[in-house]
Amino acid sequence: MAKAYSIQITKDKMIAESEDDIKKGKIHNQTEVQKIIERWKE
């Protein structure tokens, strides 16, 4: 259960960062998005 909580917290942070990027106008193309997603998996 603690691991699931930790994973959810990490995902919540990634979503918040993405929302901040959108608000700042930092829009990424498909290639950039794929690279970002790959980094999340590390």
PDB file of N, CA and C in Angstrom:
ATOM      1  N   MET A   1       0.827  -1.187   0.000  1.00  0.00           N
ATOM      2  CA  MET A   1       0.000   0.000   0.000  1.00  0.00           C
ATOM      3  C   MET A   1       0.877   1.260   0.000  1.00  0.00           C
ATOM      4  N   ALA A   2       1.963   1.249   0.758  1.00  0.00           N
ATOM      5  CA  ALA A   2       2.865   2.404   0.799  1.00  0.00           C
ATOM      6  C   ALA A   2       3.497   2.637  -0.569  1.00  0.00           C
ATOM      7  N   LYS A   3       3.816   1.541  -1.261  1.00  0.00           N
ATOM      8  CA  LYS A   3       4.417   1.678  -2.588  1.00  0.00           C
ATOM      9  C   LYS A   3       3.417   2.288  -3.560  1.00  0.00           C
ATOM     10  N   ALA A   4       2.183   1.862  -3.501  1.00  0.00           N
ATOM     11  CA  ALA A   4       1.147   2.415  -4.372  1.00  0.00           C
ATOM     12  C   ALA A   4       0.965   3.911  -4.103  1.00  0.00           C
ATOM     13  N   TYR A   5       1.016   4.285  -2.836  1.00  0.00           N
ATOM     14  CA  TYR A   5       0.899   5.696  -2.463  1.00  0.00           C
ATOM     15  C   TYR A   5       2.064   6.493  -3.036  1.00  0.00           C
ATOM     16  N   SER A   6       3.258   5.949  -2.921  1.00  0.00           N
ATOM     17  CA  SER A   6       4.459   6.608  -3.437  1.00  0.00           C
ATOM     18  C   SER A   6       4.372   6.792  -4.951  1.00  0.00           C
ATOM     19  N   ILE A   7       3.916   5.774  -5.629  1.00  0.00           N
ATOM     20  CA  ILE A   7       3.762   5.842  -7.085  1.00  0.00           C
ATOM     21  C   ILE A   7       2.731   6.906  -7.457  1.00  0.00           C
ATOM     22  N   GLN A   8       1.623   6.949  -6.733  1.00  0.00           N
ATOM     23  CA  GLN A   8       0.581   7.936  -7.019  1.00  0.00           C
ATOM     24  C   GLN A   8       1.087   9.353  -6.794  1.00  0.00           C
ATOM     25  N   ILE A   9       1.861   9.561  -5.738  1.00  0.00           N
ATOM     26  CA  ILE A   9       2.433  10.882  -5.461  1.00  0.00           C
ATOM     27  C   ILE A   9       3.327  11.312  -6.625  1.00  0.00           C
ATOM     28  N   THR A  10       4.142  10.386  -7.121  1.00  0.00           N
ATOM     29  CA  THR A  10       5.022  10.675  -8.256  1.00  0.00           C
ATOM     30  C   THR A  10       4.205  11.057  -9.486  1.00  0.00           C
ATOM     31  N   LYS A  11       3.162  10.306  -9.749  1.00  0.00           N
ATOM     32  CA  LYS A  11       2.304  10.609 -10.901  1.00  0.00           C
ATOM     33  C   LYS A  11       1.618  11.966 -10.734  1.00  0.00           C
ATOM     34  N   ASP A  12       1.165  12.267  -9.538  1.00  0.00           N
ATOM     35  CA  ASP A  12       0.524  13.551  -9.274  1.00  0.00           C
ATOM     36  C   ASP A  12       1.492  14.707  -9.538  1.00  0.00           C
ATOM     37  N   LYS A  13       2.756  14.530  -9.153  1.00  0.00           N
ATOM     38  CA  LYS A  13       3.768  15.566  -9.393  1.00  0.00           C
ATOM     39  C   LYS A  13       3.993  15.757 -10.891  1.00  0.00           C
ATOM     40  N   MET A  14       4.038  14.662 -11.641  1.00  0.00           N
ATOM     41  CA  MET A  14       4.245  14.752 -13.085  1.00  0.00           C
ATOM     42  C   MET A  14       3.081  15.478 -13.747  1.00  0.00           C
ATOM     43  N   ILE A  15       1.870  15.196 -13.300  1.00  0.00           N
ATOM     44  CA  ILE A  15       0.685  15.853 -13.852  1.00  0.00           C
ATOM     45  C   ILE A  15       0.730  17.343 -13.540  1.00  0.00           C
ATOM     46  N   ALA A  16       1.090  17.684 -12.315  1.00  0.00           N
ATOM     47  CA  ALA A  16       1.173  19.095 -11.924  1.00  0.00           C
ATOM     48  C   ALA A  16       2.220  19.825 -12.764  1.00  0.00           C
ATOM     49  N   GLU A  17       3.362  19.193 -12.991  1.00  0.00           N
ATOM     50  CA  GLU A  17       4.405  19.797 -13.816  1.00  0.00           C
ATOM     51  C   GLU A  17       3.902  20.008 -15.240  1.00  0.00           C
ATOM     52  N   SER A  18       3.182  19.040 -15.762  1.00  0.00           N
ATOM     53  CA  SER A  18       2.640  19.157 -17.117  1.00  0.00           C
ATOM     54  C   SER A  18       1.632  20.292 -17.206  1.00  0.00           C
ATOM     55  N   GLU A  19       0.789  20.407 -16.204  1.00  0.00           N
ATOM     56  CA  GLU A  19      -0.198  21.485 -16.196  1.00  0.00           C
ATOM     57  C   GLU A  19       0.487  22.846 -16.131  1.00  0.00           C
ATOM     58  N   ASP A  20       1.552  22.943 -15.331  1.00  0.00           N
ATOM     59  CA  ASP A  20       2.314  24.193 -15.258  1.00  0.00           C
ATOM     60  C   ASP A  20       2.930  24.531 -16.610  1.00  0.00           C
ATOM     61  N   ASP A  21       3.476  23.531 -17.284  1.00  0.00           N
ATOM     62  CA  ASP A  21       4.068  23.755 -18.607  1.00  0.00           C
ATOM     63  C   ASP A  21       3.025  24.288 -19.585  1.00  0.00           C
ATOM     64  N   ILE A  22       1.838  23.710 -19.568  1.00  0.00           N
ATOM     65  CA  ILE A  22       0.766  24.140 -20.464  1.00  0.00           C
ATOM     66  C   ILE A  22       0.388  25.590 -20.173  1.00  0.00           C
ATOM     67  N   LYS A  23       0.265  25.925 -18.892  1.00  0.00           N
ATOM     68  CA  LYS A  23      -0.083  27.295 -18.509  1.00  0.00           C
ATOM     69  C   LYS A  23       0.986  28.283 -18.952  1.00  0.00           C
ATOM     70  N   LYS A  24       2.244  27.861 -18.950  1.00  0.00           N
ATOM     71  CA  LYS A  24       3.359  28.726 -19.348  1.00  0.00           C
ATOM     72  C   LYS A  24       3.550  28.740 -20.863  1.00  0.00           C
ATOM     73  N   GLY A  25       2.758  27.942 -21.582  1.00  0.00           N
ATOM     74  CA  GLY A  25       2.856  27.904 -23.031  1.00  0.00           C
ATOM     75  C   GLY A  25       3.941  26.985 -23.551  1.00  0.00           C
ATOM     76  N   LYS A  26       4.444  26.142 -22.690  1.00  0.00           N
ATOM     77  CA  LYS A  26       5.480  25.190 -23.093  1.00  0.00           C
ATOM     78  C   LYS A  26       4.799  23.947 -23.676  1.00  0.00           C
ATOM     79  N   ILE A  27       4.488  24.033 -24.936  1.00  0.00           N
ATOM     80  CA  ILE A  27       3.813  22.937 -25.626  1.00  0.00           C
ATOM     81  C   ILE A  27       4.879  22.118 -26.354  1.00  0.00           C
ATOM     82  N   HIS A  28       4.784  20.807 -26.276  1.00  0.00           N
ATOM     83  CA  HIS A  28       5.786  19.919 -26.859  1.00  0.00           C
ATOM     84  C   HIS A  28       5.220  19.178 -28.065  1.00  0.00           C
ATOM     85  N   ASN A  29       6.098  18.877 -29.027  1.00  0.00           N
ATOM     86  CA  ASN A  29       5.660  18.082 -30.165  1.00  0.00           C
ATOM     87  C   ASN A  29       5.684  16.599 -29.784  1.00  0.00           C
ATOM     88  N   GLN A  30       5.218  15.745 -30.654  1.00  0.00           N
ATOM     89  CA  GLN A  30       5.075  14.319 -30.344  1.00  0.00           C
ATOM     90  C   GLN A  30       6.411  13.673 -29.961  1.00  0.00           C
ATOM     91  N   THR A  31       7.483  14.035 -30.656  1.00  0.00           N
ATOM     92  CA  THR A  31       8.796  13.457 -30.369  1.00  0.00           C
ATOM     93  C   THR A  31       9.256  13.843 -28.971  1.00  0.00           C
ATOM     94  N   GLU A  32       9.074  15.103 -28.618  1.00  0.00           N
ATOM     95  CA  GLU A  32       9.465  15.565 -27.286  1.00  0.00           C
ATOM     96  C   GLU A  32       8.642  14.870 -26.209  1.00  0.00           C
ATOM     97  N   VAL A  33       7.364  14.709 -26.461  1.00  0.00           N
ATOM     98  CA  VAL A  33       6.489  14.034 -25.496  1.00  0.00           C
ATOM     99  C   VAL A  33       6.945  12.592 -25.284  1.00  0.00           C
ATOM    100  N   GLN A  34       7.291  11.916 -26.356  1.00  0.00           N
ATOM    101  CA  GLN A  34       7.745  10.524 -26.238  1.00  0.00           C
ATOM    102  C   GLN A  34       9.009  10.442 -25.386  1.00  0.00           C
ATOM    103  N   LYS A  35       9.935  11.375 -25.576  1.00  0.00           N
ATOM    104  CA  LYS A  35      11.160  11.395 -24.775  1.00  0.00           C
ATOM    105  C   LYS A  35      10.845  11.626 -23.304  1.00  0.00           C
ATOM    106  N   ILE A  36       9.913  12.518 -23.030  1.00  0.00           N
ATOM    107  CA  ILE A  36       9.514  12.792 -21.649  1.00  0.00           C
ATOM    108  C   ILE A  36       8.930  11.536 -21.016  1.00  0.00           C
ATOM    109  N   ILE A  37       8.051  10.863 -21.740  1.00  0.00           N
ATOM    110  CA  ILE A  37       7.424   9.646 -21.221  1.00  0.00           C
ATOM    111  C   ILE A  37       8.461   8.580 -20.944  1.00  0.00           C
ATOM    112  N   GLU A  38       9.437   8.436 -21.812  1.00  0.00           N
ATOM    113  CA  GLU A  38      10.495   7.454 -21.594  1.00  0.00           C
ATOM    114  C   GLU A  38      11.286   7.764 -20.324  1.00  0.00           C
ATOM    115  N   ARG A  39      11.514   9.037 -20.053  1.00  0.00           N
ATOM    116  CA  ARG A  39      12.227   9.414 -18.821  1.00  0.00           C
ATOM    117  C   ARG A  39      11.398   9.069 -17.586  1.00  0.00           C
ATOM    118  N   TRP A  40      10.069   9.187 -17.701  1.00  0.00           N
ATOM    119  CA  TRP A  40       9.208   8.847 -16.569  1.00  0.00           C
ATOM    120  C   TRP A  40       9.341   7.379 -16.194  1.00  0.00           C
ATOM    121  N   LYS A  41       9.611   6.534 -17.185  1.00  0.00           N
ATOM    122  CA  LYS A  41       9.687   5.101 -16.950  1.00  0.00           C
ATOM    123  C   LYS A  41      10.972   4.682 -16.256  1.00  0.00           C
ATOM    124  N   GLU A  42      11.965   5.580 -16.217  1.00  0.00           N
ATOM    125  CA  GLU A  42      13.259   5.233 -15.614  1.00  0.00           C
ATOM    126  C   GLU A  42      13.189   5.195 -14.112  1.00  0.00           C
TER     127      GLU A  42
END
